[in-house]
C-alpha atoms as a PDB file:
ATOM      1  CA  MET A   1      -2.262  14.146  -6.171  1.00  0.00           C
ATOM      2  CA  ASN A   2      -0.642  13.896  -2.772  1.00  0.00           C
ATOM      3  CA  PHE A   3       3.128  13.896  -2.289  1.00  0.00           C
ATOM      4  CA  PRO A   4       4.111  13.841   1.407  1.00  0.00           C
ATOM      5  CA  GLU A   5       7.223  15.915   1.963  1.00  0.00           C
ATOM      6  CA  ASN A   6       8.559  13.534   4.770  1.00  0.00           C
ATOM      7  CA  LEU A   7       8.958  10.641   2.443  1.00  0.00           C
ATOM      8  CA  ARG A   8      11.575   9.424   0.068  1.00  0.00           C
ATOM      9  CA  TYR A   9      10.600   7.797  -3.238  1.00  0.00           C
ATOM     10  CA  THR A  10      11.974   5.342  -5.879  1.00  0.00           C
ATOM     11  CA  LYS A  11      11.856   5.339  -9.610  1.00  0.00           C
ATOM     12  CA  GLU A  12       9.731   2.106  -9.260  1.00  0.00           C
ATOM     13  CA  HIS A  13       7.111   4.205  -7.321  1.00  0.00           C
ATOM     14  CA  GLU A  14       7.602   2.982  -3.774  1.00  0.00           C
ATOM     15  CA  TRP A  15       7.717   5.334  -0.803  1.00  0.00           C
ATOM     16  CA  ILE A  16       9.747   4.957   2.359  1.00  0.00           C
ATOM     17  CA  SER A  17       9.458   6.486   5.812  1.00  0.00           C
ATOM     18  CA  ILE A  18      12.104   6.080   8.303  1.00  0.00           C
ATOM     19  CA  GLU A  19      11.952   6.268  12.035  1.00  0.00           C
ATOM     20  CA  GLY A  20      15.199   5.268  13.796  1.00  0.00           C
ATOM     21  CA  ASN A  21      16.354   2.008  12.320  1.00  0.00           C
ATOM     22  CA  VAL A  22      12.882   1.013  11.115  1.00  0.00           C
ATOM     23  CA  ALA A  23      11.355   1.854   7.665  1.00  0.00           C
ATOM     24  CA  THR A  24       7.856   1.687   6.464  1.00  0.00           C
ATOM     25  CA  ILE A  25       7.244   1.055   2.813  1.00  0.00           C
ATOM     26  CA  GLY A  26       4.270   1.313   0.395  1.00  0.00           C
ATOM     27  CA  ILE A  27       3.566   2.357  -3.114  1.00  0.00           C
ATOM     28  CA  THR A  28       2.765   5.915  -4.168  1.00  0.00           C
ATOM     29  CA  GLU A  29      -0.625   7.437  -4.948  1.00  0.00           C
ATOM     30  CA  PHE A  30       0.614   7.695  -8.541  1.00  0.00           C
ATOM     31  CA  ALA A  31       1.443   3.957  -8.602  1.00  0.00           C
ATOM     32  CA  GLN A  32      -1.886   2.774  -7.193  1.00  0.00           C
ATOM     33  CA  GLY A  33      -3.757   5.054  -9.617  1.00  0.00           C
ATOM     34  CA  GLU A  34      -1.887   3.443 -12.533  1.00  0.00           C
ATOM     35  CA  LEU A  35      -2.462  -0.107 -11.280  1.00  0.00           C
ATOM     36  CA  GLY A  36      -6.227   0.386 -10.705  1.00  0.00           C
ATOM     37  CA  ASP A  37      -8.268  -1.446  -8.124  1.00  0.00           C
ATOM     38  CA  ILE A  38      -5.930  -3.578  -5.945  1.00  0.00           C
ATOM     39  CA  ILE A  39      -7.335  -6.890  -4.983  1.00  0.00           C
ATOM     40  CA  TYR A  40      -4.378  -8.716  -3.340  1.00  0.00           C
ATOM     41  CA  VAL A  41      -0.986  -7.914  -1.702  1.00  0.00           C
ATOM     42  CA  ASP A  42       1.495 -10.744  -1.342  1.00  0.00           C
ATOM     43  CA  ILE A  43       4.508 -10.395   0.825  1.00  0.00           C
ATOM     44  CA  GLU A  44       6.632 -13.496   1.372  1.00  0.00           C
ATOM     45  CA  SER A  45       9.863 -11.986   2.332  1.00  0.00           C
ATOM     46  CA  LEU A  46       9.545 -11.550   6.133  1.00  0.00           C
ATOM     47  CA  GLY A  47      12.689 -12.359   8.005  1.00  0.00           C
ATOM     48  CA  LYS A  48      14.844 -12.344   4.765  1.00  0.00           C
ATOM     49  CA  GLU A  49      17.842 -10.060   4.346  1.00  0.00           C
ATOM     50  CA  LEU A  50      17.391  -8.306   1.146  1.00  0.00           C
ATOM     51  CA  THR A  51      19.401  -5.832  -0.904  1.00  0.00           C
ATOM     52  CA  ALA A  52      18.143  -2.542  -2.191  1.00  0.00           C
ATOM     53  CA  ASN A  53      15.812  -2.997  -5.322  1.00  0.00           C
ATOM     54  CA  ALA A  54      15.185  -6.610  -4.383  1.00  0.00           C
ATOM     55  CA  VAL A  55      11.619  -7.842  -4.910  1.00  0.00           C
ATOM     56  CA  PHE A  56       9.885  -8.105  -1.468  1.00  0.00           C
ATOM     57  CA  GLY A  57       6.377  -9.050  -2.770  1.00  0.00           C
ATOM     58  CA  THR A  58       3.711  -8.426  -5.414  1.00  0.00           C
ATOM     59  CA  VAL A  59       0.610  -6.321  -5.668  1.00  0.00           C
ATOM     60  CA  GLU A  60      -2.236  -7.672  -7.734  1.00  0.00           C
ATOM     61  CA  ALA A  61      -4.767  -5.489  -9.368  1.00  0.00           C
ATOM     62  CA  VAL A  62      -7.775  -6.477 -11.492  1.00  0.00           C
ATOM     63  CA  LYS A  63      -5.867  -6.508 -14.785  1.00  0.00           C
ATOM     64  CA  THR A  64      -2.120  -6.851 -13.681  1.00  0.00           C
ATOM     65  CA  VAL A  65       0.438  -8.115 -11.137  1.00  0.00           C
ATOM     66  CA  SER A  66       3.293  -5.852 -10.241  1.00  0.00           C
ATOM     67  CA  ASP A  67       6.552  -6.611  -8.239  1.00  0.00           C
ATOM     68  CA  LEU A  68       7.242  -4.535  -5.143  1.00  0.00           C
ATOM     69  CA  PHE A  69      10.947  -3.344  -4.869  1.00  0.00           C
ATOM     70  CA  LEU A  70      12.766  -2.626  -1.515  1.00  0.00           C
ATOM     71  CA  PRO A  71      14.048   0.904  -1.676  1.00  0.00           C
ATOM     72  CA  ILE A  72      17.075   0.160   0.546  1.00  0.00           C
ATOM     73  CA  ALA A  73      18.643  -2.874   1.991  1.00  0.00           C
ATOM     74  CA  GLY A  74      17.213  -4.519   5.055  1.00  0.00           C
ATOM     75  CA  THR A  75      15.079  -7.152   6.510  1.00  0.00           C
ATOM     76  CA  PRO A  76      11.273  -7.071   6.200  1.00  0.00           C
ATOM     77  CA  THR A  77       9.913  -7.676   9.706  1.00  0.00           C
ATOM     78  CA  GLU A  78       6.176  -6.972   9.452  1.00  0.00           C
ATOM     79  CA  LYS A  79       3.529  -6.856   6.870  1.00  0.00           C
ATOM     80  CA  ASN A  80       0.464  -4.708   7.156  1.00  0.00           C
ATOM     81  CA  PRO A  81      -2.209  -7.088   8.558  1.00  0.00           C
ATOM     82  CA  LEU A  82      -5.141  -4.980   7.373  1.00  0.00           C
ATOM     83  CA  LEU A  83      -4.215  -5.795   3.752  1.00  0.00           C
ATOM     84  CA  GLU A  84      -5.157  -9.458   4.158  1.00  0.00           C
ATOM     85  CA  SER A  85      -8.869  -8.580   4.281  1.00  0.00           C
ATOM     86  CA  GLN A  86      -8.895  -5.048   2.856  1.00  0.00           C
ATOM     87  CA  PRO A  87      -6.304  -4.744  -0.060  1.00  0.00           C
ATOM     88  CA  GLU A  88      -8.322  -1.700  -1.290  1.00  0.00           C
ATOM     89  CA  LEU A  89      -6.636   0.335   1.491  1.00  0.00           C
ATOM     90  CA  VAL A  90      -3.648   0.662  -0.822  1.00  0.00           C
ATOM     91  CA  ASN A  91      -6.017   2.546  -3.222  1.00  0.00           C
ATOM     92  CA  GLN A  92      -7.800   4.504  -0.543  1.00  0.00           C
ATOM     93  CA  ASP A  93      -4.895   5.519   1.749  1.00  0.00           C
ATOM     94  CA  PRO A  94      -1.555   4.721   0.120  1.00  0.00           C
ATOM     95  CA  TYR A  95       0.417   6.770   2.607  1.00  0.00           C
ATOM     96  CA  GLY A  96      -1.453   5.710   5.618  1.00  0.00           C
ATOM     97  CA  ASP A  97      -3.411   2.528   6.294  1.00  0.00           C
ATOM     98  CA  GLY A  98      -2.297   1.189   2.950  1.00  0.00           C
ATOM     99  CA  TRP A  99       1.384   0.785   3.899  1.00  0.00           C
ATOM    100  CA  MET A 100       2.765  -2.699   2.896  1.00  0.00           C
ATOM    101  CA  VAL A 101       5.794  -3.647   4.984  1.00  0.00           C
ATOM    102  CA  LYS A 102       8.028  -2.560   7.816  1.00  0.00           C
ATOM    103  CA  MET A 103      11.716  -3.416   7.821  1.00  0.00           C
ATOM    104  CA  THR A 104      14.961  -3.115   9.759  1.00  0.00           C
ATOM    105  CA  ILE A 105      17.406  -1.046   7.842  1.00  0.00           C
ATOM    106  CA  SER A 106      20.840  -2.542   7.018  1.00  0.00           C
ATOM    107  CA  ASN A 107      22.553   0.522   5.599  1.00  0.00           C
ATOM    108  CA  PRO A 108      20.972   3.938   6.536  1.00  0.00           C
ATOM    109  CA  SER A 109      23.237   5.892   4.059  1.00  0.00           C
ATOM    110  CA  GLU A 110      21.311   4.303   1.162  1.00  0.00           C
ATOM    111  CA  ILE A 111      18.305   6.666   1.877  1.00  0.00           C
ATOM    112  CA  ASP A 112      20.489   9.447   0.310  1.00  0.00           C
ATOM    113  CA  SER A 113      20.192   7.758  -3.051  1.00  0.00           C
ATOM    114  CA  LEU A 114      16.421   8.028  -3.190  1.00  0.00           C
ATOM    115  CA  LEU A 115      14.324  10.711  -4.670  1.00  0.00           C
ATOM    116  CA  ASP A 116      13.013  13.667  -2.815  1.00  0.00           C
ATOM    117  CA  VAL A 117       9.448  15.080  -3.467  1.00  0.00           C
ATOM    118  CA  ALA A 118      10.580  17.555  -6.225  1.00  0.00           C
ATOM    119  CA  SER A 119      12.618  14.739  -8.000  1.00  0.00           C
ATOM    120  CA  TYR A 120       9.733  12.280  -7.778  1.00  0.00           C
ATOM    121  CA  LYS A 121       7.337  14.884  -9.226  1.00  0.00           C
ATOM    122  CA  ALA A 122       9.621  15.504 -12.102  1.00  0.00           C
ATOM    123  CA  LEU A 123       9.883  11.713 -12.769  1.00  0.00           C
ATOM    124  CA  ILE A 124       6.140  11.356 -13.217  1.00  0.00           C
ATOM    125  CA  GLY A 125       5.604  14.779 -14.852  1.00  0.00           C
ATOM    126  CA  ALA A 126       3.569  16.281 -11.913  1.00  0.00           C
END
């Protein structure tokens, strides 16, 4: 299983990458494996200021629908346009082409409360 060192993780299995004041968010390889084949990603929160742990969308797999939680506070500004026609990218490349949303960060210090790679691996027993 892949665990990129440059990312931070949540207990709900989202990952976050930060460049300046912009964060990119997706779900982890572990999460997509647990969900199974992803058939739809729904993000309706663009332009809305959200708090950390707020639901920013849902991901639908063949047998379940799961909420997506924002790792830190901010405003989602862009959703991955590739997922409209290719939701399976979340399964195929969760840390690359399968990203879900980009957001403007409200409080950069919140990143310190997220899990590093070692802590995330311990959480899932890897």
